Amino acid sequence: CEQVGNWQMALLLLQRMGEVQATPNQITYNAAISACSRDGQLTMALQLLAEMTQLRLANVVAYSSCIAACEKGGHWQMALHLLTLE
């Protein structure tokens, strides 16, 4: 899902993990954020980053993917803000 940027499928898989009692981790969240970033879904990428932060899973990969999404959308102020958080 991440490599083709299929963000809807990535989110569905992330959601379904809970249904089969699998716990999302940094890898699964990062893949979903990266898929969102590739498709220009900044809002969803930031929501996933917020979830990761709440779960204490946020890492440099997640921040980098969100910053890339900011770049695609021309949201440089948000990118600068994210740089101050990590």
PDB file of N, CA and C in Angstrom:
ATOM      1  N   CYS A   1       0.828  -1.200   0.000  1.00  0.00           N
ATOM      2  CA  CYS A   1       0.000   0.000   0.000  1.00  0.00           C
ATOM      3  C   CYS A   1       0.865   1.254   0.000  1.00  0.00           C
ATOM      4  N   GLU A   2       1.937   1.212   0.803  1.00  0.00           N
ATOM      5  CA  GLU A   2       2.793   2.385   0.928  1.00  0.00           C
ATOM      6  C   GLU A   2       3.449   2.744  -0.401  1.00  0.00           C
ATOM      7  N   GLN A   3       3.990   1.762  -1.106  1.00  0.00           N
ATOM      8  CA  GLN A   3       4.762   2.045  -2.305  1.00  0.00           C
ATOM      9  C   GLN A   3       3.905   2.562  -3.449  1.00  0.00           C
ATOM     10  N   VAL A   4       2.666   2.150  -3.530  1.00  0.00           N
ATOM     11  CA  VAL A   4       1.800   2.659  -4.586  1.00  0.00           C
ATOM     12  C   VAL A   4       0.993   3.861  -4.109  1.00  0.00           C
ATOM     13  N   GLY A   5       1.120   4.207  -2.834  1.00  0.00           N
ATOM     14  CA  GLY A   5       0.422   5.366  -2.317  1.00  0.00           C
ATOM     15  C   GLY A   5      -1.058   5.159  -2.104  1.00  0.00           C
ATOM     16  N   ASN A   6      -1.504   3.932  -1.951  1.00  0.00           N
ATOM     17  CA  ASN A   6      -2.918   3.636  -1.769  1.00  0.00           C
ATOM     18  C   ASN A   6      -3.297   3.885  -0.308  1.00  0.00           C
ATOM     19  N   TRP A   7      -3.528   5.141  -0.001  1.00  0.00           N
ATOM     20  CA  TRP A   7      -3.733   5.528   1.388  1.00  0.00           C
ATOM     21  C   TRP A   7      -5.024   4.968   1.974  1.00  0.00           C
ATOM     22  N   GLN A   8      -6.081   4.830   1.159  1.00  0.00           N
ATOM     23  CA  GLN A   8      -7.326   4.282   1.692  1.00  0.00           C
ATOM     24  C   GLN A   8      -7.135   2.834   2.146  1.00  0.00           C
ATOM     25  N   MET A   9      -6.424   2.054   1.350  1.00  0.00           N
ATOM     26  CA  MET A   9      -6.184   0.659   1.706  1.00  0.00           C
ATOM     27  C   MET A   9      -5.286   0.578   2.941  1.00  0.00           C
ATOM     28  N   ALA A  10      -4.293   1.439   3.006  1.00  0.00           N
ATOM     29  CA  ALA A  10      -3.397   1.444   4.167  1.00  0.00           C
ATOM     30  C   ALA A  10      -4.174   1.743   5.449  1.00  0.00           C
ATOM     31  N   LEU A  11      -5.087   2.703   5.379  1.00  0.00           N
ATOM     32  CA  LEU A  11      -5.892   3.043   6.559  1.00  0.00           C
ATOM     33  C   LEU A  11      -6.834   1.902   6.932  1.00  0.00           C
ATOM     34  N   LEU A  12      -7.402   1.262   5.927  1.00  0.00           N
ATOM     35  CA  LEU A  12      -8.287   0.135   6.186  1.00  0.00           C
ATOM     36  C   LEU A  12      -7.531  -0.999   6.871  1.00  0.00           C
ATOM     37  N   LEU A  13      -6.347  -1.306   6.374  1.00  0.00           N
ATOM     38  CA  LEU A  13      -5.546  -2.357   6.993  1.00  0.00           C
ATOM     39  C   LEU A  13      -5.157  -2.003   8.420  1.00  0.00           C
ATOM     40  N   LEU A  14      -4.809  -0.747   8.642  1.00  0.00           N
ATOM     41  CA  LEU A  14      -4.456  -0.294   9.990  1.00  0.00           C
ATOM     42  C   LEU A  14      -5.653  -0.459  10.933  1.00  0.00           C
ATOM     43  N   GLN A  15      -6.818  -0.088  10.452  1.00  0.00           N
ATOM     44  CA  GLN A  15      -8.038  -0.217  11.246  1.00  0.00           C
ATOM     45  C   GLN A  15      -8.381  -1.684  11.512  1.00  0.00           C
ATOM     46  N   ARG A  16      -8.237  -2.514  10.512  1.00  0.00           N
ATOM     47  CA  ARG A  16      -8.595  -3.920  10.646  1.00  0.00           C
ATOM     48  C   ARG A  16      -7.650  -4.687  11.566  1.00  0.00           C
ATOM     49  N   MET A  17      -6.468  -4.157  11.793  1.00  0.00           N
ATOM     50  CA  MET A  17      -5.536  -4.835  12.685  1.00  0.00           C
ATOM     51  C   MET A  17      -6.164  -5.051  14.058  1.00  0.00           C
ATOM     52  N   GLY A  18      -6.892  -4.052  14.531  1.00  0.00           N
ATOM     53  CA  GLY A  18      -7.552  -4.166  15.823  1.00  0.00           C
ATOM     54  C   GLY A  18      -8.625  -5.244  15.841  1.00  0.00           C
ATOM     55  N   GLU A  19      -9.261  -5.458  14.704  1.00  0.00           N
ATOM     56  CA  GLU A  19     -10.313  -6.469  14.615  1.00  0.00           C
ATOM     57  C   GLU A  19      -9.767  -7.886  14.739  1.00  0.00           C
ATOM     58  N   VAL A  20      -8.516  -8.071  14.376  1.00  0.00           N
ATOM     59  CA  VAL A  20      -7.905  -9.401  14.474  1.00  0.00           C
ATOM     60  C   VAL A  20      -6.915  -9.456  15.635  1.00  0.00           C
ATOM     61  N   GLN A  21      -7.066  -8.513  16.543  1.00  0.00           N
ATOM     62  CA  GLN A  21      -6.266  -8.426  17.762  1.00  0.00           C
ATOM     63  C   GLN A  21      -4.770  -8.307  17.486  1.00  0.00           C
ATOM     64  N   ALA A  22      -4.432  -7.589  16.428  1.00  0.00           N
ATOM     65  CA  ALA A  22      -3.038  -7.251  16.142  1.00  0.00           C
ATOM     66  C   ALA A  22      -2.844  -5.782  16.512  1.00  0.00           C
ATOM     67  N   THR A  23      -1.752  -5.475  17.143  1.00  0.00           N
ATOM     68  CA  THR A  23      -1.500  -4.111  17.598  1.00  0.00           C
ATOM     69  C   THR A  23      -0.671  -3.355  16.568  1.00  0.00           C
ATOM     70  N   PRO A  24      -1.194  -2.225  16.064  1.00  0.00           N
ATOM     71  CA  PRO A  24      -0.393  -1.409  15.152  1.00  0.00           C
ATOM     72  C   PRO A  24       0.884  -0.943  15.854  1.00  0.00           C
ATOM     73  N   ASN A  25       1.973  -0.853  15.101  1.00  0.00           N
ATOM     74  CA  ASN A  25       3.242  -0.421  15.666  1.00  0.00           C
ATOM     75  C   ASN A  25       3.841   0.678  14.792  1.00  0.00           C
ATOM     76  N   GLN A  26       5.090   1.035  15.050  1.00  0.00           N
ATOM     77  CA  GLN A  26       5.725   2.092  14.269  1.00  0.00           C
ATOM     78  C   GLN A  26       5.756   1.761  12.783  1.00  0.00           C
ATOM     79  N   ILE A  27       6.018   0.519  12.462  1.00  0.00           N
ATOM     80  CA  ILE A  27       6.126   0.135  11.051  1.00  0.00           C
ATOM     81  C   ILE A  27       4.791   0.295  10.341  1.00  0.00           C
ATOM     82  N   THR A  28       3.722  -0.176  10.944  1.00  0.00           N
ATOM     83  CA  THR A  28       2.419  -0.095  10.283  1.00  0.00           C
ATOM     84  C   THR A  28       1.933   1.353  10.189  1.00  0.00           C
ATOM     85  N   TYR A  29       2.129   2.123  11.260  1.00  0.00           N
ATOM     86  CA  TYR A  29       1.763   3.541  11.206  1.00  0.00           C
ATOM     87  C   TYR A  29       2.599   4.290  10.178  1.00  0.00           C
ATOM     88  N   ASN A  30       3.908   4.033  10.159  1.00  0.00           N
ATOM     89  CA  ASN A  30       4.775   4.726   9.204  1.00  0.00           C
ATOM     90  C   ASN A  30       4.385   4.406   7.769  1.00  0.00           C
ATOM     91  N   ALA A  31       4.026   3.162   7.500  1.00  0.00           N
ATOM     92  CA  ALA A  31       3.601   2.783   6.150  1.00  0.00           C
ATOM     93  C   ALA A  31       2.327   3.524   5.759  1.00  0.00           C
ATOM     94  N   ALA A  32       1.388   3.630   6.677  1.00  0.00           N
ATOM     95  CA  ALA A  32       0.135   4.339   6.393  1.00  0.00           C
ATOM     96  C   ALA A  32       0.387   5.832   6.183  1.00  0.00           C
ATOM     97  N   ILE A  33       1.231   6.427   7.019  1.00  0.00           N
ATOM     98  CA  ILE A  33       1.549   7.851   6.863  1.00  0.00           C
ATOM     99  C   ILE A  33       2.255   8.090   5.529  1.00  0.00           C
ATOM    100  N   SER A  34       3.170   7.214   5.180  1.00  0.00           N
ATOM    101  CA  SER A  34       3.882   7.347   3.911  1.00  0.00           C
ATOM    102  C   SER A  34       2.923   7.248   2.727  1.00  0.00           C
ATOM    103  N   ALA A  35       1.966   6.330   2.790  1.00  0.00           N
ATOM    104  CA  ALA A  35       0.968   6.199   1.719  1.00  0.00           C
ATOM    105  C   ALA A  35       0.136   7.480   1.618  1.00  0.00           C
ATOM    106  N   CYS A  36      -0.244   8.039   2.749  1.00  0.00           N
ATOM    107  CA  CYS A  36      -0.994   9.303   2.751  1.00  0.00           C
ATOM    108  C   CYS A  36      -0.158  10.422   2.139  1.00  0.00           C
ATOM    109  N   SER A  37       1.100  10.463   2.523  1.00  0.00           N
ATOM    110  CA  SER A  37       1.997  11.490   2.007  1.00  0.00           C
ATOM    111  C   SER A  37       2.136  11.396   0.492  1.00  0.00           C
ATOM    112  N   ARG A  38       2.303  10.188  -0.010  1.00  0.00           N
ATOM    113  CA  ARG A  38       2.469   9.996  -1.460  1.00  0.00           C
ATOM    114  C   ARG A  38       1.243  10.459  -2.238  1.00  0.00           C
ATOM    115  N   ASP A  39       0.073  10.353  -1.631  1.00  0.00           N
ATOM    116  CA  ASP A  39      -1.170  10.770  -2.295  1.00  0.00           C
ATOM    117  C   ASP A  39      -1.607  12.180  -1.900  1.00  0.00           C
ATOM    118  N   GLY A  40      -0.758  12.907  -1.176  1.00  0.00           N
ATOM    119  CA  GLY A  40      -1.069  14.283  -0.813  1.00  0.00           C
ATOM    120  C   GLY A  40      -2.156  14.428   0.236  1.00  0.00           C
ATOM    121  N   GLN A  41      -2.333  13.421   1.070  1.00  0.00           N
ATOM    122  CA  GLN A  41      -3.366  13.432   2.110  1.00  0.00           C
ATOM    123  C   GLN A  41      -2.764  13.928   3.426  1.00  0.00           C
ATOM    124  N   LEU A  42      -2.445  15.216   3.467  1.00  0.00           N
ATOM    125  CA  LEU A  42      -1.767  15.808   4.622  1.00  0.00           C
ATOM    126  C   LEU A  42      -2.593  15.682   5.890  1.00  0.00           C
ATOM    127  N   THR A  43      -3.867  15.983   5.829  1.00  0.00           N
ATOM    128  CA  THR A  43      -4.712  15.942   7.018  1.00  0.00           C
ATOM    129  C   THR A  43      -4.709  14.553   7.646  1.00  0.00           C
ATOM    130  N   MET A  44      -4.851  13.533   6.829  1.00  0.00           N
ATOM    131  CA  MET A  44      -4.867  12.168   7.351  1.00  0.00           C
ATOM    132  C   MET A  44      -3.497  11.784   7.896  1.00  0.00           C
ATOM    133  N   ALA A  45      -2.437  12.188   7.201  1.00  0.00           N
ATOM    134  CA  ALA A  45      -1.078  11.899   7.686  1.00  0.00           C
ATOM    135  C   ALA A  45      -0.860  12.533   9.059  1.00  0.00           C
ATOM    136  N   LEU A  46      -1.332  13.756   9.231  1.00  0.00           N
ATOM    137  CA  LEU A  46      -1.176  14.440  10.523  1.00  0.00           C
ATOM    138  C   LEU A  46      -2.026  13.789  11.607  1.00  0.00           C
ATOM    139  N   GLN A  47      -3.192  13.286  11.241  1.00  0.00           N
ATOM    140  CA  GLN A  47      -4.024  12.584  12.221  1.00  0.00           C
ATOM    141  C   GLN A  47      -3.336  11.313  12.698  1.00  0.00           C
ATOM    142  N   LEU A  48      -2.728  10.595  11.763  1.00  0.00           N
ATOM    143  CA  LEU A  48      -2.004   9.381  12.142  1.00  0.00           C
ATOM    144  C   LEU A  48      -0.789   9.710  13.003  1.00  0.00           C
ATOM    145  N   LEU A  49      -0.101  10.799  12.676  1.00  0.00           N
ATOM    146  CA  LEU A  49       1.034  11.231  13.493  1.00  0.00           C
ATOM    147  C   LEU A  49       0.572  11.577  14.909  1.00  0.00           C
ATOM    148  N   ALA A  50      -0.581  12.215  15.023  1.00  0.00           N
ATOM    149  CA  ALA A  50      -1.126  12.542  16.350  1.00  0.00           C
ATOM    150  C   ALA A  50      -1.432  11.262  17.130  1.00  0.00           C
ATOM    151  N   GLU A  51      -1.991  10.260  16.454  1.00  0.00           N
ATOM    152  CA  GLU A  51      -2.241   8.979  17.118  1.00  0.00           C
ATOM    153  C   GLU A  51      -0.937   8.353  17.587  1.00  0.00           C
ATOM    154  N   MET A  52       0.066   8.387  16.700  1.00  0.00           N
ATOM    155  CA  MET A  52       1.369   7.817  17.064  1.00  0.00           C
ATOM    156  C   MET A  52       1.958   8.535  18.276  1.00  0.00           C
ATOM    157  N   THR A  53       1.825   9.847  18.284  1.00  0.00           N
ATOM    158  CA  THR A  53       2.355  10.630  19.401  1.00  0.00           C
ATOM    159  C   THR A  53       1.647  10.257  20.691  1.00  0.00           C
ATOM    160  N   GLN A  54       0.330  10.120  20.621  1.00  0.00           N
ATOM    161  CA  GLN A  54      -0.447   9.746  21.800  1.00  0.00           C
ATOM    162  C   GLN A  54      -0.044   8.361  22.308  1.00  0.00           C
ATOM    163  N   LEU A  55       0.282   7.469  21.386  1.00  0.00           N
ATOM    164  CA  LEU A  55       0.681   6.108  21.761  1.00  0.00           C
ATOM    165  C   LEU A  55       2.184   6.005  22.055  1.00  0.00           C
ATOM    166  N   ARG A  56       2.859   7.135  21.965  1.00  0.00           N
ATOM    167  CA  ARG A  56       4.318   7.206  22.164  1.00  0.00           C
ATOM    168  C   ARG A  56       5.066   6.347  21.149  1.00  0.00           C
ATOM    169  N   LEU A  57       4.575   6.364  19.909  1.00  0.00           N
ATOM    170  CA  LEU A  57       5.200   5.619  18.823  1.00  0.00           C
ATOM    171  C   LEU A  57       5.845   6.529  17.778  1.00  0.00           C
ATOM    172  N   ALA A  58       5.595   7.829  17.864  1.00  0.00           N
ATOM    173  CA  ALA A  58       6.097   8.754  16.841  1.00  0.00           C
ATOM    174  C   ALA A  58       7.617   8.680  16.751  1.00  0.00           C
ATOM    175  N   ASN A  59       8.114   8.707  15.520  1.00  0.00           N
ATOM    176  CA  ASN A  59       9.555   8.659  15.298  1.00  0.00           C
ATOM    177  C   ASN A  59       9.925   9.550  14.116  1.00  0.00           C
ATOM    178  N   VAL A  60      11.204   9.592  13.809  1.00  0.00           N
ATOM    179  CA  VAL A  60      11.683  10.481  12.755  1.00  0.00           C
ATOM    180  C   VAL A  60      11.111  10.104  11.389  1.00  0.00           C
ATOM    181  N   VAL A  61      10.834   8.839  11.150  1.00  0.00           N
ATOM    182  CA  VAL A  61      10.252   8.411   9.876  1.00  0.00           C
ATOM    183  C   VAL A  61       8.860   9.010   9.708  1.00  0.00           C
ATOM    184  N   ALA A  62       8.066   8.965  10.755  1.00  0.00           N
ATOM    185  CA  ALA A  62       6.710   9.519  10.704  1.00  0.00           C
ATOM    186  C   ALA A  62       6.744  11.029  10.460  1.00  0.00           C
ATOM    187  N   TYR A  63       7.624  11.718  11.180  1.00  0.00           N
ATOM    188  CA  TYR A  63       7.741  13.162  10.989  1.00  0.00           C
ATOM    189  C   TYR A  63       8.209  13.490   9.577  1.00  0.00           C
ATOM    190  N   SER A  64       9.164  12.740   9.062  1.00  0.00           N
ATOM    191  CA  SER A  64       9.675  12.990   7.712  1.00  0.00           C
ATOM    192  C   SER A  64       8.588  12.800   6.659  1.00  0.00           C
ATOM    193  N   SER A  65       7.787  11.777   6.829  1.00  0.00           N
ATOM    194  CA  SER A  65       6.697  11.533   5.877  1.00  0.00           C
ATOM    195  C   SER A  65       5.670  12.658   5.923  1.00  0.00           C
ATOM    196  N   CYS A  66       5.369  13.141   7.118  1.00  0.00           N
ATOM    197  CA  CYS A  66       4.423  14.257   7.234  1.00  0.00           C
ATOM    198  C   CYS A  66       5.006  15.543   6.645  1.00  0.00           C
ATOM    199  N   ILE A  67       6.285  15.749   6.851  1.00  0.00           N
ATOM    200  CA  ILE A  67       6.939  16.922   6.269  1.00  0.00           C
ATOM    201  C   ILE A  67       6.915  16.831   4.747  1.00  0.00           C
ATOM    202  N   ALA A  68       7.104  15.631   4.205  1.00  0.00           N
ATOM    203  CA  ALA A  68       7.015  15.440   2.752  1.00  0.00           C
ATOM    204  C   ALA A  68       5.613  15.763   2.245  1.00  0.00           C
ATOM    205  N   ALA A  69       4.596  15.373   3.002  1.00  0.00           N
ATOM    206  CA  ALA A  69       3.216  15.697   2.623  1.00  0.00           C
ATOM    207  C   ALA A  69       2.992  17.208   2.653  1.00  0.00           C
ATOM    208  N   CYS A  70       3.589  17.877   3.634  1.00  0.00           N
ATOM    209  CA  CYS A  70       3.505  19.340   3.704  1.00  0.00           C
ATOM    210  C   CYS A  70       4.124  19.967   2.465  1.00  0.00           C
ATOM    211  N   GLU A  71       5.259  19.430   2.069  1.00  0.00           N
ATOM    212  CA  GLU A  71       5.953  19.945   0.881  1.00  0.00           C
ATOM    213  C   GLU A  71       5.071  19.829  -0.352  1.00  0.00           C
ATOM    214  N   LYS A  72       4.440  18.675  -0.532  1.00  0.00           N
ATOM    215  CA  LYS A  72       3.587  18.472  -1.705  1.00  0.00           C
ATOM    216  C   LYS A  72       2.426  19.461  -1.741  1.00  0.00           C
ATOM    217  N   GLY A  73       1.917  19.794  -0.564  1.00  0.00           N
ATOM    218  CA  GLY A  73       0.779  20.698  -0.508  1.00  0.00           C
ATOM    219  C   GLY A  73       1.139  22.160  -0.354  1.00  0.00           C
ATOM    220  N   GLY A  74       2.437  22.460  -0.292  1.00  0.00           N
ATOM    221  CA  GLY A  74       2.863  23.849  -0.139  1.00  0.00           C
ATOM    222  C   GLY A  74       2.615  24.411   1.248  1.00  0.00           C
ATOM    223  N   HIS A  75       2.574  23.555   2.247  1.00  0.00           N
ATOM    224  CA  HIS A  75       2.307  23.980   3.626  1.00  0.00           C
ATOM    225  C   HIS A  75       3.627  24.087   4.406  1.00  0.00           C
ATOM    226  N   TRP A  76       4.445  25.059   4.016  1.00  0.00           N
ATOM    227  CA  TRP A  76       5.771  25.159   4.617  1.00  0.00           C
ATOM    228  C   TRP A  76       5.719  25.537   6.093  1.00  0.00           C
ATOM    229  N   GLN A  77       4.685  26.304   6.497  1.00  0.00           N
ATOM    230  CA  GLN A  77       4.579  26.665   7.913  1.00  0.00           C
ATOM    231  C   GLN A  77       4.381  25.430   8.778  1.00  0.00           C
ATOM    232  N   MET A  78       3.545  24.506   8.308  1.00  0.00           N
ATOM    233  CA  MET A  78       3.310  23.273   9.050  1.00  0.00           C
ATOM    234  C   MET A  78       4.585  22.431   9.074  1.00  0.00           C
ATOM    235  N   ALA A  79       5.302  22.405   7.968  1.00  0.00           N
ATOM    236  CA  ALA A  79       6.561  21.654   7.934  1.00  0.00           C
ATOM    237  C   ALA A  79       7.547  22.207   8.959  1.00  0.00           C
ATOM    238  N   LEU A  80       7.643  23.518   9.043  1.00  0.00           N
ATOM    239  CA  LEU A  80       8.525  24.125  10.057  1.00  0.00           C
ATOM    240  C   LEU A  80       8.071  23.791  11.461  1.00  0.00           C
ATOM    241  N   HIS A  81       6.777  23.799  11.682  1.00  0.00           N
ATOM    242  CA  HIS A  81       6.242  23.446  12.999  1.00  0.00           C
ATOM    243  C   HIS A  81       6.612  22.008  13.357  1.00  0.00           C
ATOM    244  N   LEU A  82       6.465  21.092  12.409  1.00  0.00           N
ATOM    245  CA  LEU A  82       6.805  19.689  12.672  1.00  0.00           C
ATOM    246  C   LEU A  82       8.282  19.525  12.993  1.00  0.00           C
ATOM    247  N   LEU A  83       9.116  20.335  12.360  1.00  0.00           N
ATOM    248  CA  LEU A  83      10.554  20.266  12.649  1.00  0.00           C
ATOM    249  C   LEU A  83      10.862  20.659  14.088  1.00  0.00           C
ATOM    250  N   THR A  84      10.050  21.507  14.663  1.00  0.00           N
ATOM    251  CA  THR A  84      10.289  21.923  16.044  1.00  0.00           C
ATOM    252  C   THR A  84       9.814  20.883  17.046  1.00  0.00           C
ATOM    253  N   LEU A  85       8.959  19.951  16.613  1.00  0.00           N
ATOM    254  CA  LEU A  85       8.405  18.947  17.535  1.00  0.00           C
ATOM    255  C   LEU A  85       9.298  17.739  17.712  1.00  0.00           C
ATOM    256  N   GLU A  86       9.985  17.300  16.682  1.00  0.00           N
ATOM    257  CA  GLU A  86      10.768  16.068  16.737  1.00  0.00           C
ATOM    258  C   GLU A  86      12.124  16.297  17.359  1.00  0.00           C
TER     259      GLU A  86
END
